N, C-alpha and C. Protein backbone atom coordinates (compact mmCIF):
# COMPACT_ATOMS: atom_id res chain seq x y z
N MET A 1 97.03 124.41 102.76
CA MET A 1 97.68 123.36 103.54
C MET A 1 98.38 122.39 102.59
N ALA A 2 99.62 122.09 102.87
CA ALA A 2 100.40 121.16 102.05
C ALA A 2 99.98 119.73 102.35
N HIS A 3 99.95 118.93 101.32
CA HIS A 3 99.63 117.51 101.47
C HIS A 3 100.90 116.72 101.22
N VAL A 4 101.23 115.85 102.15
CA VAL A 4 102.46 115.07 102.03
C VAL A 4 102.18 113.60 102.30
N GLY A 5 103.09 112.79 101.85
CA GLY A 5 103.01 111.36 102.12
C GLY A 5 103.79 111.03 103.38
N PRO A 6 103.99 109.75 103.62
CA PRO A 6 104.75 109.32 104.80
C PRO A 6 106.19 109.80 104.73
N THR A 7 106.78 110.05 105.87
CA THR A 7 108.15 110.55 105.93
C THR A 7 109.16 109.51 105.46
N TRP A 8 110.26 110.01 104.92
CA TRP A 8 111.37 109.14 104.57
C TRP A 8 112.34 109.02 105.73
N LYS A 9 112.24 109.92 106.70
CA LYS A 9 113.15 109.92 107.84
C LYS A 9 112.99 108.63 108.65
N GLY A 10 114.07 107.90 108.80
CA GLY A 10 114.04 106.64 109.55
C GLY A 10 113.35 105.50 108.84
N LEU A 11 113.02 105.68 107.58
CA LEU A 11 112.30 104.65 106.82
C LEU A 11 113.16 103.42 106.56
N SER A 12 114.37 103.63 106.06
CA SER A 12 115.22 102.53 105.62
C SER A 12 115.49 101.53 106.74
N GLY A 13 115.25 100.26 106.46
CA GLY A 13 115.50 99.20 107.43
C GLY A 13 114.35 98.93 108.38
N ASN A 14 113.29 99.71 108.30
CA ASN A 14 112.13 99.51 109.16
C ASN A 14 110.98 98.91 108.37
N GLY A 15 110.03 98.35 109.08
CA GLY A 15 108.88 97.72 108.46
C GLY A 15 107.85 98.74 108.01
N ARG A 16 107.10 98.39 106.97
CA ARG A 16 106.03 99.21 106.45
C ARG A 16 104.80 98.34 106.24
N ASP A 17 103.67 98.79 106.76
CA ASP A 17 102.38 98.16 106.45
C ASP A 17 101.83 98.86 105.23
N PHE A 18 101.23 98.09 104.33
CA PHE A 18 100.76 98.68 103.08
C PHE A 18 99.57 97.91 102.53
N PHE A 19 98.98 98.48 101.49
CA PHE A 19 97.96 97.83 100.68
C PHE A 19 98.52 97.70 99.27
N THR A 20 98.26 96.57 98.63
CA THR A 20 98.69 96.37 97.25
C THR A 20 97.65 96.98 96.31
N LYS A 21 97.96 96.97 95.03
CA LYS A 21 97.03 97.51 94.01
C LYS A 21 95.67 96.83 94.07
N ASP A 22 95.67 95.53 94.43
CA ASP A 22 94.39 94.80 94.50
C ASP A 22 93.81 94.80 95.92
N LYS A 23 94.23 95.78 96.73
CA LYS A 23 93.67 96.05 98.07
C LYS A 23 94.01 95.00 99.12
N LYS A 24 95.03 94.19 98.89
CA LYS A 24 95.46 93.22 99.90
C LYS A 24 96.45 93.88 100.86
N LYS A 25 96.33 93.54 102.14
CA LYS A 25 97.24 94.07 103.14
C LYS A 25 98.57 93.33 103.06
N GLY A 26 99.64 94.03 103.39
CA GLY A 26 100.96 93.42 103.40
C GLY A 26 101.88 94.16 104.36
N HIS A 27 103.06 93.60 104.53
CA HIS A 27 104.09 94.20 105.37
C HIS A 27 105.43 93.88 104.73
N ALA A 28 106.31 94.85 104.69
CA ALA A 28 107.63 94.64 104.09
C ALA A 28 108.67 95.47 104.82
N LEU A 29 109.90 95.01 104.73
CA LEU A 29 111.03 95.75 105.23
C LEU A 29 111.42 96.78 104.17
N ALA A 30 111.63 98.01 104.59
CA ALA A 30 112.01 99.08 103.65
C ALA A 30 113.50 98.98 103.33
N ASP A 31 113.83 97.97 102.53
CA ASP A 31 115.21 97.78 102.09
C ASP A 31 115.39 98.43 100.71
N ALA A 32 116.54 98.24 100.11
CA ALA A 32 116.81 98.87 98.81
C ALA A 32 115.81 98.44 97.74
N ALA A 33 115.41 97.18 97.74
CA ALA A 33 114.44 96.71 96.74
C ALA A 33 113.08 97.39 96.93
N TYR A 34 112.65 97.51 98.18
CA TYR A 34 111.38 98.19 98.48
C TYR A 34 111.45 99.65 98.03
N LEU A 35 112.55 100.33 98.34
CA LEU A 35 112.69 101.73 97.96
C LEU A 35 112.71 101.89 96.45
N ARG A 36 113.41 101.01 95.75
CA ARG A 36 113.46 101.06 94.28
C ARG A 36 112.06 100.92 93.71
N GLU A 37 111.31 99.94 94.22
CA GLU A 37 109.94 99.76 93.73
C GLU A 37 109.08 100.99 94.03
N ALA A 38 109.25 101.57 95.21
CA ALA A 38 108.46 102.76 95.57
C ALA A 38 108.77 103.94 94.66
N ILE A 39 110.00 104.04 94.20
CA ILE A 39 110.39 105.13 93.30
C ILE A 39 109.87 104.88 91.89
N LEU A 40 109.98 103.65 91.42
CA LEU A 40 109.62 103.33 90.04
C LEU A 40 108.17 102.94 89.84
N ASP A 41 107.53 102.39 90.87
CA ASP A 41 106.12 101.98 90.79
C ASP A 41 105.44 102.27 92.14
N PRO A 42 105.26 103.55 92.46
CA PRO A 42 104.78 103.93 93.79
C PRO A 42 103.38 103.43 94.13
N SER A 43 102.60 103.05 93.16
CA SER A 43 101.26 102.55 93.47
C SER A 43 101.25 101.05 93.75
N ALA A 44 102.40 100.37 93.66
CA ALA A 44 102.46 98.92 93.92
C ALA A 44 102.16 98.60 95.37
N LYS A 45 102.67 99.43 96.28
CA LYS A 45 102.46 99.23 97.72
C LYS A 45 102.17 100.60 98.33
N ILE A 46 100.93 100.83 98.71
CA ILE A 46 100.53 102.11 99.28
C ILE A 46 100.56 101.98 100.80
N VAL A 47 101.34 102.82 101.45
CA VAL A 47 101.47 102.79 102.92
C VAL A 47 100.12 102.99 103.57
N THR A 48 99.85 102.16 104.58
CA THR A 48 98.60 102.26 105.32
C THR A 48 98.40 103.69 105.81
N GLY A 49 97.19 104.19 105.58
CA GLY A 49 96.86 105.57 105.94
C GLY A 49 96.92 106.52 104.76
N TYR A 50 97.51 106.07 103.66
CA TYR A 50 97.64 106.90 102.46
C TYR A 50 96.97 106.24 101.25
N GLU A 51 96.11 105.28 101.49
CA GLU A 51 95.53 104.51 100.39
C GLU A 51 94.46 105.24 99.59
N ARG A 52 93.99 106.38 100.08
CA ARG A 52 92.98 107.13 99.31
C ARG A 52 93.56 107.63 98.00
N GLY A 53 94.84 107.97 97.98
CA GLY A 53 95.54 108.25 96.73
C GLY A 53 95.30 109.59 96.08
N GLU A 54 94.61 110.52 96.75
CA GLU A 54 94.37 111.80 96.08
C GLU A 54 95.64 112.63 95.91
N TYR A 55 96.70 112.30 96.63
CA TYR A 55 97.98 113.00 96.49
C TYR A 55 99.09 111.99 96.28
N ALA A 56 98.87 111.06 95.38
CA ALA A 56 99.81 109.96 95.16
C ALA A 56 101.12 110.46 94.55
N MET A 57 102.19 109.76 94.91
CA MET A 57 103.51 110.06 94.34
C MET A 57 103.54 109.58 92.89
N PRO A 58 104.11 110.39 92.00
CA PRO A 58 104.23 109.95 90.60
C PRO A 58 105.34 108.92 90.45
N SER A 59 105.28 108.16 89.40
CA SER A 59 106.35 107.22 89.09
C SER A 59 107.53 107.99 88.50
N TYR A 60 108.73 107.57 88.87
CA TYR A 60 109.93 108.17 88.30
C TYR A 60 110.57 107.25 87.26
N ALA A 61 109.86 106.19 86.87
CA ALA A 61 110.35 105.30 85.81
C ALA A 61 110.44 106.11 84.52
N GLY A 62 111.61 106.09 83.91
CA GLY A 62 111.81 106.84 82.68
C GLY A 62 112.26 108.27 82.91
N ALA A 63 111.99 108.81 84.11
CA ALA A 63 112.41 110.18 84.42
C ALA A 63 113.80 110.20 85.05
N LEU A 64 114.13 109.12 85.76
CA LEU A 64 115.44 108.98 86.39
C LEU A 64 116.17 107.79 85.77
N ASN A 65 117.46 107.93 85.57
CA ASN A 65 118.22 106.77 85.09
C ASN A 65 118.62 105.90 86.30
N ALA A 66 119.20 104.75 86.04
CA ALA A 66 119.54 103.80 87.11
C ALA A 66 120.46 104.41 88.16
N SER A 67 121.42 105.20 87.74
CA SER A 67 122.34 105.84 88.67
C SER A 67 121.62 106.85 89.56
N GLN A 68 120.69 107.58 89.02
CA GLN A 68 119.92 108.54 89.80
C GLN A 68 119.02 107.84 90.81
N VAL A 69 118.42 106.73 90.41
CA VAL A 69 117.59 105.94 91.33
C VAL A 69 118.46 105.45 92.49
N GLU A 70 119.63 104.92 92.18
CA GLU A 70 120.54 104.43 93.23
C GLU A 70 120.95 105.57 94.17
N SER A 71 121.20 106.74 93.63
CA SER A 71 121.56 107.89 94.46
C SER A 71 120.41 108.28 95.38
N LEU A 72 119.20 108.25 94.87
CA LEU A 72 118.03 108.57 95.69
C LEU A 72 117.85 107.53 96.80
N ILE A 73 118.07 106.26 96.50
CA ILE A 73 117.99 105.20 97.49
C ILE A 73 119.03 105.45 98.58
N LEU A 74 120.26 105.76 98.19
CA LEU A 74 121.31 106.04 99.19
C LEU A 74 120.95 107.25 100.05
N PHE A 75 120.35 108.27 99.45
CA PHE A 75 119.93 109.43 100.22
C PHE A 75 118.87 109.04 101.26
N ILE A 76 117.85 108.29 100.83
CA ILE A 76 116.79 107.87 101.76
C ILE A 76 117.37 107.01 102.87
N GLN A 77 118.29 106.12 102.52
CA GLN A 77 118.92 105.26 103.53
C GLN A 77 119.72 106.07 104.55
N ALA A 78 120.21 107.22 104.18
CA ALA A 78 121.02 108.06 105.08
C ALA A 78 120.16 108.88 106.04
N LEU A 79 118.87 109.00 105.77
CA LEU A 79 117.99 109.80 106.64
C LEU A 79 117.67 109.03 107.91
N LYS A 80 118.15 109.51 109.02
CA LYS A 80 117.93 108.81 110.31
C LYS A 80 117.00 109.58 111.19
């Protein structure tokens, strides 16, 4: 069975409930800044329901350059 995280479809511009690294609850709009942080520091805000972390997304900091991160953000924003 494949293990996946929350969908990217319809994510951009919608709210996300999450837990921070120090286990505090939060809510944020999935804007470009939120998506950038999720790509570069995915453990900063863990979407509610995925906080166990056994299949956590890896960080792409250092693996993607700034242009590639921006392209990925634009792709996620286009998913409706």
